[in-house]
């Protein structure tokens, strides 16, 4: 995972805990999860729009 070992991940988590506090970390995690989910949905929506546009072009050609 990006060349990070368990010690490096532990240090990163401890720094995040000190910077943001224990109450704030779950909020940050939830926000990141929602953001990633919205990004994936946007990608799927873009693929659907692209497929629909290709179908319309093919219909006009026929």
Protein backbone atom coordinates (compact mmCIF):
# COMPACT_ATOMS: atom_id res chain seq x y z
CA UNK A 1 0.00 0.00 0.00
CA UNK A 2 2.10 2.88 -1.34
CA UNK A 3 5.20 1.41 0.28
CA UNK A 4 4.03 2.30 3.79
CA UNK A 5 4.63 -0.13 6.60
CA UNK A 6 2.63 -0.54 9.77
CA UNK A 7 4.93 1.79 11.72
CA UNK A 8 4.54 4.58 9.19
CA UNK A 9 0.74 4.22 9.17
CA UNK A 10 0.67 4.28 12.97
CA UNK A 11 2.71 7.50 13.04
CA UNK A 12 0.42 9.10 10.44
CA UNK A 13 -2.66 8.13 12.46
CA UNK A 14 -1.15 9.50 15.67
CA UNK A 15 -0.32 12.81 13.97
CA UNK A 16 -3.89 13.02 12.63
CA UNK A 17 -5.22 12.29 16.10
CA UNK A 18 -3.13 15.09 17.60
CA UNK A 19 -4.01 17.58 14.86
CA UNK A 20 -7.75 16.96 14.66
CA UNK A 21 -8.69 15.35 17.95
CA UNK A 22 -10.61 12.15 18.67
CA UNK A 23 -14.05 13.73 18.16
CA UNK A 24 -13.22 15.19 14.78
CA UNK A 25 -11.62 12.10 13.14
CA UNK A 26 -14.90 10.19 12.57
CA UNK A 27 -16.41 13.30 10.95
CA UNK A 28 -13.42 13.60 8.64
CA UNK A 29 -13.63 9.90 7.74
CA UNK A 30 -17.34 10.17 6.99
CA UNK A 31 -16.75 13.24 4.84
CA UNK A 32 -14.02 11.47 2.88
CA UNK A 33 -16.27 8.46 2.37
CA UNK A 34 -19.12 10.62 1.08
CA UNK A 35 -16.76 12.45 -1.23
CA UNK A 36 -15.36 9.25 -2.71
CA UNK A 37 -18.88 7.84 -3.14
CA UNK A 38 -20.04 11.01 -4.93
CA UNK A 39 -16.97 10.91 -7.18
CA UNK A 40 -17.68 7.31 -8.18
CA UNK A 41 -21.34 8.13 -8.88
CA UNK A 42 -20.23 11.05 -11.03
CA UNK A 43 -17.94 8.78 -13.04
CA UNK A 44 -20.79 6.31 -13.61
CA UNK A 45 -23.11 9.14 -14.61
CA UNK A 46 -20.53 10.45 -17.06
CA UNK A 47 -20.19 7.00 -18.62
CA UNK A 48 -23.97 6.76 -18.99
CA UNK A 49 -24.16 10.17 -20.67
CA UNK A 50 -21.32 9.20 -23.01
CA UNK A 51 -23.05 5.93 -23.95
CA UNK A 52 -26.32 7.77 -24.63
CA UNK A 53 -24.52 10.28 -26.85
CA UNK A 54 -22.91 7.48 -28.85
CA UNK A 55 -26.31 5.82 -29.33
CA UNK A 56 -27.82 9.08 -30.60
CA UNK A 57 -24.95 9.54 -33.06
CA UNK A 58 -25.41 6.01 -34.37
CA UNK A 59 -29.17 6.54 -34.75
CA UNK A 60 -28.55 9.70 -36.79
CA UNK A 61 -26.11 7.83 -39.04
CA UNK A 62 -28.65 5.07 -39.78
